[in-house]
Protein backbone atom coordinates (compact mmCIF):
# COMPACT_ATOMS: atom_id res chain seq x y z
CA MET A 1 9.07 -66.63 -37.64
CA ALA A 2 12.04 -68.54 -39.53
CA VAL A 3 14.54 -66.09 -38.74
CA THR A 4 13.43 -65.39 -34.77
CA ILE A 5 13.76 -69.30 -34.24
CA LEU A 6 17.17 -69.19 -36.09
CA VAL A 7 18.25 -66.69 -33.67
CA LEU A 8 17.02 -68.59 -30.65
CA GLY A 9 19.34 -71.29 -31.56
CA LEU A 10 22.22 -69.37 -32.15
CA LEU A 11 21.61 -67.73 -28.73
CA VAL A 12 21.16 -71.07 -26.68
CA PHE A 13 25.35 -71.42 -28.70
CA PHE A 14 26.52 -68.31 -28.11
CA GLY A 15 25.58 -69.01 -24.23
CA HIS A 16 27.47 -72.38 -24.11
CA PHE A 17 30.31 -70.44 -26.15
CA LEU A 18 30.79 -67.54 -23.67
CA ALA A 19 30.95 -70.01 -20.61
CA GLY A 20 33.99 -71.00 -22.01
CA PHE A 21 35.35 -67.69 -23.07
CA PHE A 22 34.88 -66.49 -19.59
CA GLU A 23 36.84 -69.20 -17.90
CA ARG A 24 39.78 -67.89 -20.36
CA THR A 25 39.00 -64.16 -19.89
CA LYS A 26 37.25 -63.64 -16.86
CA VAL A 27 34.78 -61.50 -18.79
CA PRO A 28 31.78 -62.46 -17.26
CA ASP A 29 29.22 -63.64 -19.96
CA VAL A 30 26.34 -61.59 -18.75
CA LEU A 31 27.76 -58.53 -19.82
CA VAL A 32 28.67 -59.64 -23.53
CA LEU A 33 24.80 -60.82 -23.96
CA MET A 34 23.66 -57.49 -22.59
CA LEU A 35 26.02 -56.28 -24.82
CA ALA A 36 24.49 -58.30 -27.87
CA GLY A 37 20.95 -57.13 -26.84
CA MET A 38 22.26 -53.87 -26.92
CA LEU A 39 23.29 -54.06 -30.45
CA LEU A 40 19.95 -55.80 -31.49
CA GLY A 41 18.47 -52.81 -29.70
CA PRO A 42 19.08 -49.56 -29.31
CA VAL A 43 22.33 -49.64 -31.45
CA PHE A 44 20.98 -50.77 -35.18
CA GLY A 45 17.16 -51.19 -34.20
CA ILE A 46 16.77 -54.93 -35.34
CA VAL A 47 14.48 -55.78 -32.26
CA THR A 48 12.59 -53.69 -30.11
CA PRO A 49 11.07 -54.73 -26.41
CA ALA A 50 7.49 -53.80 -28.08
CA ASP A 51 8.70 -57.16 -30.64
CA PHE A 52 8.04 -58.83 -27.28
CA GLY A 53 4.39 -58.21 -27.28
CA LYS A 54 3.06 -60.36 -24.11
CA VAL A 55 5.74 -62.65 -24.15
CA GLY A 56 7.74 -60.07 -22.66
CA PRO A 57 6.47 -59.99 -18.99
CA VAL A 58 5.20 -63.46 -19.14
CA PHE A 59 8.72 -63.93 -19.48
CA THR A 60 9.87 -62.10 -16.43
CA THR A 61 7.37 -63.87 -14.71
CA LEU A 62 8.44 -66.85 -15.01
CA ALA A 63 12.40 -65.87 -14.72
CA LEU A 64 11.28 -64.98 -11.12
CA ILE A 65 9.73 -67.82 -10.63
CA ILE A 66 12.60 -70.14 -11.69
CA ILE A 67 15.11 -67.57 -9.72
CA LEU A 68 13.51 -68.06 -6.23
CA PHE A 69 12.99 -72.07 -6.63
CA GLU A 70 16.50 -72.89 -8.06
CA GLY A 71 17.79 -70.31 -5.61
CA GLY A 72 15.33 -71.77 -2.65
CA ILE A 73 16.79 -75.06 -3.84
CA HIS A 74 20.53 -74.26 -3.06
CA LEU A 75 19.93 -72.89 0.27
CA ASN A 76 20.58 -75.41 2.96
CA VAL A 77 20.30 -74.67 6.40
CA ARG A 78 23.14 -76.92 7.85
CA THR A 79 25.52 -75.56 5.22
CA LEU A 80 24.31 -71.56 5.89
CA GLY A 81 24.33 -72.06 9.39
CA ALA A 82 27.87 -73.06 9.12
CA ALA A 83 29.68 -70.00 8.17
CA ALA A 84 26.43 -67.63 9.11
CA ALA A 85 28.34 -65.21 11.36
CA ASP A 86 31.08 -64.19 8.67
CA THR A 87 28.26 -63.71 6.28
CA LEU A 88 26.14 -62.14 7.76
CA THR A 89 28.23 -59.55 9.01
CA VAL A 90 29.91 -58.83 5.54
CA SER A 91 26.86 -58.98 3.54
CA LEU A 92 24.12 -57.47 5.65
CA SER A 93 26.32 -54.75 6.58
CA THR A 94 27.24 -54.35 2.64
CA MET A 95 23.08 -54.14 1.55
CA ALA A 96 22.02 -51.59 4.08
CA ILE A 97 24.91 -49.44 3.40
CA THR A 98 24.09 -50.12 -0.08
CA LEU A 99 20.56 -49.58 0.04
CA LEU A 100 20.20 -46.62 2.06
CA LEU A 101 22.84 -44.77 -0.46
CA VAL A 102 21.20 -46.15 -3.55
CA ALA A 103 17.71 -45.00 -2.09
CA HIS A 104 18.86 -41.17 -1.48
CA LEU A 105 20.00 -40.77 -4.42
CA ALA A 106 17.34 -42.38 -6.46
CA ASP A 107 15.15 -40.12 -4.30
CA LEU A 108 17.64 -36.87 -4.86
CA LEU A 109 18.16 -37.61 -9.22
CA LEU A 110 14.46 -39.75 -10.18
CA PRO A 111 11.18 -38.58 -10.13
CA LEU A 112 10.35 -40.86 -7.31
CA ASP A 113 8.55 -40.98 -3.87
CA PHE A 114 10.11 -42.27 -0.86
CA THR A 115 9.18 -45.80 -1.01
CA SER A 116 9.71 -46.12 -4.71
CA ALA A 117 13.60 -44.57 -4.21
CA LEU A 118 13.65 -47.41 -1.18
CA PHE A 119 12.32 -50.20 -3.59
CA VAL A 120 15.29 -49.09 -5.89
CA GLY A 121 17.63 -48.75 -3.10
CA ALA A 122 16.39 -52.67 -2.27
CA VAL A 123 16.40 -53.92 -5.87
CA LEU A 124 20.38 -52.54 -6.32
CA GLY A 125 21.98 -53.95 -2.77
CA GLY A 126 22.38 -57.17 -3.33
CA THR A 127 24.72 -58.89 -5.04
CA SER A 128 24.42 -61.46 -8.08
CA SER A 129 25.01 -64.77 -8.06
CA ALA A 130 25.10 -65.24 -11.74
CA VAL A 131 28.21 -62.63 -11.95
CA VAL A 132 30.08 -63.42 -8.66
CA VAL A 133 30.30 -67.54 -8.35
CA PRO A 134 31.64 -68.39 -11.76
CA LEU A 135 34.33 -65.60 -11.25
CA ILE A 136 35.14 -66.87 -7.57
CA ARG A 137 35.53 -70.16 -9.05
CA VAL A 138 38.08 -69.24 -11.84
CA LEU A 139 39.80 -66.22 -9.41
CA LYS A 140 40.65 -69.08 -7.16
CA LEU A 141 40.29 -67.46 -3.48
CA ASN A 142 41.17 -68.81 -0.14
CA PRO A 143 38.88 -70.97 1.18
CA GLY A 144 36.97 -68.21 3.83
CA PRO A 145 36.35 -65.75 1.42
CA SER A 146 35.05 -67.73 -0.93
CA THR A 147 32.60 -69.18 1.09
CA VAL A 148 31.37 -65.88 2.47
CA LEU A 149 31.41 -64.36 -0.89
CA PHE A 150 29.29 -67.58 -2.38
CA LEU A 151 26.39 -67.35 0.30
CA GLU A 152 26.40 -63.77 0.16
CA SER A 153 25.34 -63.92 -3.84
CA ALA A 154 22.92 -66.90 -3.00
CA ALA A 155 21.27 -64.98 -0.30
CA THR A 156 21.04 -61.64 -1.35
CA ASP A 157 19.44 -62.86 -4.32
CA ILE A 158 16.33 -63.96 -2.73
CA LEU A 159 16.99 -61.32 0.30
CA VAL A 160 16.76 -58.38 -2.71
CA ILE A 161 13.25 -60.27 -3.99
CA VAL A 162 11.63 -60.44 -0.90
CA LEU A 163 12.61 -56.89 0.37
CA ALA A 164 11.31 -55.12 -3.21
CA LEU A 165 8.30 -57.62 -3.24
CA GLY A 166 7.66 -56.16 -0.08
CA LEU A 167 8.03 -52.40 -1.02
CA LEU A 168 6.53 -52.98 -4.26
CA GLN A 169 3.26 -54.34 -2.45
CA THR A 170 3.53 -50.79 -0.60
CA MET A 171 3.80 -48.94 -3.92
CA THR A 172 0.83 -50.93 -5.37
CA VAL A 173 -1.56 -50.22 -2.16
CA GLU A 174 -0.71 -46.53 -2.25
CA ALA A 175 -1.11 -46.09 -5.61
CA GLY A 176 -4.60 -47.92 -4.86
CA ALA A 177 -5.32 -45.33 -2.07
CA GLY A 178 -4.62 -42.41 -4.67
CA GLY A 179 -0.86 -42.08 -3.65
CA GLY A 180 -1.40 -40.47 -0.50
CA GLY A 181 -0.39 -44.26 1.62
CA ALA A 182 -4.65 -43.29 2.80
CA LEU A 183 -4.52 -47.44 4.45
CA GLY A 184 -1.74 -46.28 6.91
CA GLY A 185 1.84 -47.79 7.76
CA GLY A 186 0.47 -50.02 9.98
CA ALA A 187 -2.35 -51.19 7.75
CA MET A 188 0.27 -51.51 4.92
CA VAL A 189 2.80 -54.06 7.03
CA ARG A 190 -0.14 -56.41 8.14
CA GLN A 191 -1.59 -56.31 4.57
CA ILE A 192 2.27 -57.18 3.52
CA GLY A 193 2.94 -59.50 6.68
CA ALA A 194 -0.57 -61.50 5.96
CA SER A 195 0.52 -61.84 2.33
CA PHE A 196 4.28 -63.10 2.72
CA LEU A 197 2.73 -65.84 5.76
CA VAL A 198 -0.23 -67.39 3.85
CA ALA A 199 2.09 -67.30 1.17
CA GLY A 200 4.99 -69.21 2.93
CA LEU A 201 2.40 -71.58 4.50
CA VAL A 202 1.39 -72.48 0.75
CA GLY A 203 5.02 -72.93 0.01
CA ALA A 204 5.91 -75.37 2.63
CA ALA A 205 2.56 -77.44 2.51
CA GLY A 206 3.20 -77.78 -1.38
CA ALA A 207 6.66 -79.22 -0.98
CA LEU A 208 5.53 -81.50 2.02
CA LEU A 209 3.09 -83.05 -0.88
CA TRP A 210 5.74 -83.28 -3.83
CA SER A 211 8.02 -84.47 -1.83
CA ALA A 212 5.98 -87.59 -0.73
CA VAL A 213 4.25 -88.07 -4.10
CA LEU A 214 8.11 -87.56 -5.65
CA ASP A 215 8.86 -90.83 -6.27
CA LYS A 216 5.60 -92.49 -7.57
CA VAL A 217 5.70 -89.20 -10.19
CA ARG A 218 9.09 -90.27 -11.20
CA GLN A 219 7.76 -94.13 -12.20
CA VAL A 220 5.73 -92.01 -15.06
CA PRO A 221 8.26 -91.55 -18.23
CA ASN A 222 9.11 -88.03 -19.17
CA THR A 223 8.83 -86.04 -15.48
CA VAL A 224 11.15 -84.09 -14.92
CA PHE A 225 10.13 -80.94 -15.95
CA THR A 226 6.85 -81.60 -13.78
CA THR A 227 8.40 -80.15 -10.78
CA LEU A 228 8.79 -76.96 -12.36
CA ALA A 229 5.16 -77.48 -13.81
CA TYR A 230 4.19 -77.68 -9.82
CA VAL A 231 5.99 -74.68 -9.23
CA PHE A 232 4.05 -72.49 -11.74
CA ILE A 233 0.78 -74.28 -10.02
CA LEU A 234 1.40 -73.36 -6.94
CA PHE A 235 2.41 -69.67 -7.96
CA GLY A 236 -0.67 -69.03 -10.10
CA LEU A 237 -2.79 -70.55 -7.12
CA THR A 238 -1.20 -68.59 -4.48
CA GLU A 239 -1.80 -65.18 -6.72
CA LEU A 240 -5.31 -66.08 -7.65
CA TRP A 241 -5.84 -65.95 -3.73
CA GLY A 242 -4.60 -63.04 -3.51
CA TYR A 243 -1.06 -63.43 -1.64
CA SER A 244 2.28 -63.50 -2.91
CA GLY A 245 3.11 -66.39 -5.49
CA ALA A 246 6.61 -65.15 -5.16
CA ILE A 247 7.42 -66.12 -1.66
CA ALA A 248 5.38 -69.51 -2.11
CA ALA A 249 8.20 -70.61 -5.02
CA LEU A 250 10.62 -69.77 -2.53
CA THR A 251 9.62 -71.29 0.33
CA PHE A 252 8.62 -74.37 -1.83
CA GLY A 253 12.08 -74.70 -2.51
CA VAL A 254 13.87 -74.03 0.50
CA ALA A 255 11.50 -76.34 2.35
CA VAL A 256 11.98 -79.34 -0.32
CA ALA A 257 15.93 -79.23 -0.32
CA ASN A 258 15.98 -79.30 4.12
CA LEU A 259 13.74 -82.06 4.35
CA ALA A 260 16.36 -84.35 4.09
CA ASN A 261 18.07 -82.51 7.00
CA ILE A 262 14.95 -83.73 9.45
CA PRO A 263 15.74 -86.95 11.41
CA GLN A 264 13.71 -89.58 9.61
CA LYS A 265 12.54 -90.94 13.35
CA LEU A 266 11.39 -87.46 13.73
CA ILE A 267 9.48 -87.60 10.47
CA ALA A 268 7.99 -91.27 11.15
CA ARG A 269 6.53 -90.03 14.46
CA ILE A 270 5.00 -87.77 12.59
CA PHE A 271 4.17 -88.69 8.64
CA SER A 272 3.43 -92.67 7.84
CA PHE A 273 5.49 -91.98 4.42
CA ARG A 274 8.92 -90.73 3.75
CA PHE A 275 10.26 -87.66 1.97
CA THR A 276 11.77 -87.76 -1.32
CA ALA A 277 14.60 -84.86 -2.16
CA PHE A 278 15.96 -84.20 -5.50
CA GLN A 279 18.05 -86.01 -7.56
CA GLU A 280 21.15 -85.00 -8.84
CA HIS A 281 19.99 -84.96 -12.52
CA GLU A 282 16.74 -83.41 -11.54
CA ARG A 283 18.56 -80.69 -9.69
CA ALA A 284 20.98 -80.22 -12.98
CA PHE A 285 18.06 -80.12 -14.59
CA PHE A 286 16.97 -76.80 -13.03
CA GLY A 287 20.34 -75.75 -13.48
CA GLU A 288 20.03 -75.36 -17.30
CA ALA A 289 16.12 -73.88 -17.28
CA VAL A 290 18.20 -71.11 -15.23
CA PHE A 291 21.05 -70.90 -17.76
CA LEU A 292 18.48 -70.74 -20.43
CA VAL A 293 16.72 -67.94 -18.34
CA LYS A 294 20.06 -66.39 -17.97
CA THR A 295 21.12 -66.21 -21.70
CA PHE A 296 17.45 -65.05 -22.95
CA PHE A 297 16.97 -62.72 -20.01
CA PHE A 298 19.99 -60.70 -20.40
CA VAL A 299 20.03 -59.91 -23.58
CA TYR A 300 16.21 -59.36 -23.24
CA LEU A 301 17.67 -56.58 -20.65
CA GLY A 302 20.16 -55.15 -23.56
CA VAL A 303 17.33 -54.86 -25.95
CA SER A 304 15.33 -52.99 -23.42
CA LEU A 305 18.05 -50.71 -22.54
CA THR A 306 17.16 -47.03 -24.24
CA PHE A 307 19.92 -44.37 -24.27
CA ALA A 308 16.66 -41.71 -25.06
CA ASP A 309 16.51 -40.74 -21.55
CA TRP A 310 19.46 -39.69 -20.52
CA ARG A 311 18.78 -38.67 -17.11
CA ALA A 312 18.11 -42.65 -16.52
CA VAL A 313 21.12 -43.71 -18.28
CA ALA A 314 23.11 -41.01 -15.92
CA THR A 315 21.24 -42.02 -12.89
CA GLY A 316 22.29 -45.72 -13.70
CA LEU A 317 25.70 -45.01 -13.99
CA VAL A 318 25.36 -43.14 -10.09
CA LEU A 319 24.11 -46.22 -8.96
CA GLY A 320 25.43 -48.76 -10.73
CA VAL A 321 29.02 -47.07 -9.10
CA VAL A 322 28.11 -46.29 -5.71
CA ALA A 323 27.95 -49.78 -4.06
CA PHE A 324 31.75 -50.48 -5.10
CA PRO A 325 32.93 -48.05 -2.17
CA ALA A 326 29.69 -48.68 -0.11
CA ARG A 327 31.72 -51.82 0.06
CA ALA A 328 34.95 -51.16 0.83
CA PRO A 329 34.86 -50.20 4.61
CA VAL A 330 32.70 -53.36 5.13
CA VAL A 331 35.61 -55.21 3.89
CA ARG A 332 38.29 -53.77 5.70
CA LEU A 333 36.02 -53.41 9.63
CA LEU A 334 34.85 -56.28 9.03
CA ALA A 335 36.77 -59.26 6.90
CA SER A 336 38.90 -61.53 8.78
CA PRO A 337 42.45 -61.33 8.50
CA ALA A 338 43.44 -64.85 9.73
CA THR A 339 41.59 -66.08 6.59
CA THR A 340 41.66 -63.46 4.06
CA SER A 341 44.65 -62.74 2.08
CA ARG A 342 44.95 -58.72 1.11
CA ARG A 343 44.24 -60.23 -2.71
CA ASP A 344 41.43 -62.04 -1.54
CA ALA A 345 40.27 -58.26 0.42
CA ALA A 346 40.47 -56.61 -2.77
CA LEU A 347 38.79 -59.20 -4.41
CA MET A 348 35.72 -59.03 -2.01
CA THR A 349 35.71 -55.43 -2.68
CA VAL A 350 34.97 -55.32 -5.85
CA LEU A 351 32.65 -58.11 -6.25
CA VAL A 352 29.54 -56.76 -5.78
CA PRO A 353 27.81 -56.50 -9.28
CA LYS A 354 24.16 -56.82 -9.81
CA GLY A 355 21.97 -59.06 -11.91
CA LEU A 356 19.40 -61.49 -12.96
CA ALA A 357 17.25 -61.19 -9.54
CA ALA A 358 17.47 -56.88 -9.63
CA ALA A 359 16.64 -57.16 -13.58
CA VAL A 360 13.58 -58.81 -12.89
CA MET A 361 12.12 -56.76 -9.63
CA ALA A 362 13.05 -53.45 -11.83
CA SER A 363 10.16 -54.46 -14.23
CA LEU A 364 7.78 -54.91 -12.07
CA PRO A 365 6.46 -51.39 -11.00
CA ALA A 366 5.88 -50.33 -14.60
CA GLN A 367 3.68 -53.64 -15.54
CA ALA A 368 1.61 -53.10 -11.92
CA GLY A 369 1.27 -49.54 -13.34
CA VAL A 370 3.18 -47.76 -10.31
CA PRO A 371 3.69 -44.16 -10.77
CA GLY A 372 7.44 -43.78 -11.72
CA GLY A 373 7.58 -47.19 -12.95
CA GLU A 374 9.36 -46.58 -16.22
CA ALA A 375 11.99 -44.34 -14.83
CA ILE A 376 12.57 -47.33 -11.94
CA GLN A 377 12.82 -49.81 -14.64
CA GLY A 378 15.52 -47.81 -17.03
CA ALA A 379 17.70 -46.71 -14.17
CA VAL A 380 17.85 -50.01 -12.60
CA TYR A 381 18.62 -51.47 -16.22
CA ALA A 382 21.53 -49.05 -16.42
CA ALA A 383 23.08 -50.11 -13.22
CA ILE A 384 23.16 -53.26 -13.62
CA PHE A 385 25.08 -52.69 -16.95
CA PHE A 386 27.74 -50.36 -15.54
CA SER A 387 28.01 -52.12 -11.91
CA ILE A 388 28.76 -55.10 -14.17
CA VAL A 389 31.48 -53.50 -16.52
CA VAL A 390 32.59 -51.50 -13.13
CA CYS A 391 33.73 -54.65 -11.86
CA ALA A 392 34.95 -56.56 -14.50
CA LEU A 393 37.19 -53.85 -15.18
CA LEU A 394 38.33 -53.88 -11.04
CA VAL A 395 39.10 -57.74 -11.45
CA PHE A 396 41.27 -57.17 -14.21
CA LEU A 397 43.26 -54.74 -12.76
CA ALA A 398 43.39 -56.33 -9.05
CA GLU A 399 44.45 -59.24 -10.81
CA ARG A 400 47.38 -57.24 -12.44
CA GLY A 401 48.52 -55.53 -9.53
CA THR A 402 47.75 -51.96 -10.88
CA MET A 403 45.23 -51.17 -7.69
CA ASP A 404 48.25 -52.40 -5.32
CA PRO A 405 49.69 -48.82 -4.23
CA LEU A 406 46.01 -47.49 -4.05
CA LEU A 407 44.78 -50.30 -1.68
CA ARG A 408 47.94 -50.93 0.08
CA PRO A 409 47.22 -48.38 2.26
CA TRP A 410 43.59 -49.19 2.84
CA LEU A 411 43.82 -53.01 3.32
CA GLY A 412 47.17 -53.35 5.07
CA LYS A 413 45.87 -55.18 8.27
CA PHE A 414 45.88 -57.73 5.56
CA PRO A 415 48.47 -60.33 5.25
CA GLN A 416 50.27 -60.93 1.85
CA GLU A 417 49.41 -64.57 2.23
CA ILE A 418 47.19 -66.88 5.09
CA ALA A 419 49.71 -69.31 6.24
CA ALA A 420 48.40 -72.97 5.11
CA ALA A 421 47.81 -74.09 8.77
CA GLU A 422 45.34 -71.09 9.26
CA ARG A 423 43.48 -72.09 5.95
CA GLU A 424 39.99 -74.05 7.28
CA PRO A 425 38.62 -76.48 4.55
CA PRO A 426 35.54 -74.40 2.58
CA ALA A 427 32.39 -75.14 3.91
CA PRO A 428 30.97 -77.26 1.29
CA GLY A 429 28.49 -75.73 -0.99
CA PRO A 430 24.47 -75.97 -0.70
CA GLN A 431 23.58 -79.91 -1.71
CA VAL A 432 19.78 -80.37 -1.81
CA GLY A 433 19.00 -83.54 0.57
CA ALA A 434 22.75 -84.13 1.09
CA ALA A 435 23.13 -86.37 4.59
CA GLU A 436 26.98 -85.03 4.38
CA PRO A 437 28.00 -82.61 1.34
CA ALA A 438 31.31 -84.27 -0.23
CA PRO A 439 34.39 -81.38 0.15
CA PRO A 440 35.29 -79.92 -3.20
CA ALA A 441 38.07 -81.56 -5.38
CA ASP A 442 40.05 -78.27 -5.43
CA ALA A 443 40.26 -76.59 -2.00
CA GLY A 444 40.62 -73.14 -3.43
CA ALA A 445 37.65 -73.57 -5.57
CA PRO A 446 34.63 -71.99 -4.53
CA PRO A 447 31.80 -74.11 -2.65
CA SER A 448 29.40 -73.82 -5.82
CA PRO A 449 27.11 -76.32 -7.79
CA ALA A 450 27.83 -76.54 -11.35
CA HIS A 451 25.67 -73.33 -12.03
CA PRO A 452 25.14 -70.72 -9.66
CA PRO A 453 22.39 -70.90 -7.26
CA GLY A 454 19.45 -68.24 -8.58
CA GLY A 455 21.76 -67.82 -12.01
CA ASN A 456 20.73 -64.05 -11.00
């Protein structure tokens, strides 16, 4: 027990040290955390996933709740709308191409049915804010690409979870029906849609209630953790009622974050009380919670990687790498030369690593007893690792100019530099409850809060 507590304390200090190490070297801290887990687990055999017992699945669920909630409070509808066009064209195109490619390869390389292969594609379709947001901060891209990458990572983290949850529910229903889809596609879609709709209503109603009483809750000492406790309660109740607790947690975060955007006069006509937004110290606390989840989960992820199943490892390598060529035509065709330099375009092409959201979702099929769940988890875990390794390597090469001879013909339409007159001020990062977001101090820095949204 003493050794376990010692290791937990050292991991927290190690995570903060890695944040500083990343600032100097641009090596993602999550990659080092995974490597540490691999050394503790499959390499030296000090720790195994079985040592975590029931704590592993519980921790996975807690990570999912915190990711969704904290990601939701950073999705400010006003900010998202300001950069929606560029973000949607680049991110949704990338996600659609990657999802289809990965699903096709998973269907070929893994012993899975087509729905499970689509699940793998959905899980690996997005980008990881836990890797991308810190990188765009230190790489100092121009404001336009920086905003697109920031919003893409925040939005696709959540979109990955929503799509994967829907497909997981389909897989669970199919498995319960004998694996033949006996309920029919229409019945499954209706069942999933009803689950998501009711869960969304529960989350929105919970947000209205919590925002109404939050000022009174703050009058009680030591209540900063009560918001997370309230989200856990919403999740548990929604799951007990047979609906999606994850969607309830997401909707709660988005609703609380955007209530402050509703005109006060309109609110006064409907409600007799005022809604309260989160304060800066509360959002900082939620960011710290995501930091802790990220630190422990990526170490747990490294421990859970197994090299005994070389088929899963090899498949993960293929699935992790395929996102990079899938991204290349999207950036070339859809990124704007008016706001994107050739260096920005090169970095946009390689900044598609996978992360925490994918890892959390990949563990759920095995926990739910879905056939092929272990194969999904092994392949996706390996794909996350290899995608972060390749991303770090390509960023290093792009920064050194090593890739210029290869990229110059492909990205020739982008100028070497963006004229100062053509640079637009960056869209502000999503600020919870802020009436008018403050511009960042550094025009070259990405519009992000102190901690990456979603931490994934």
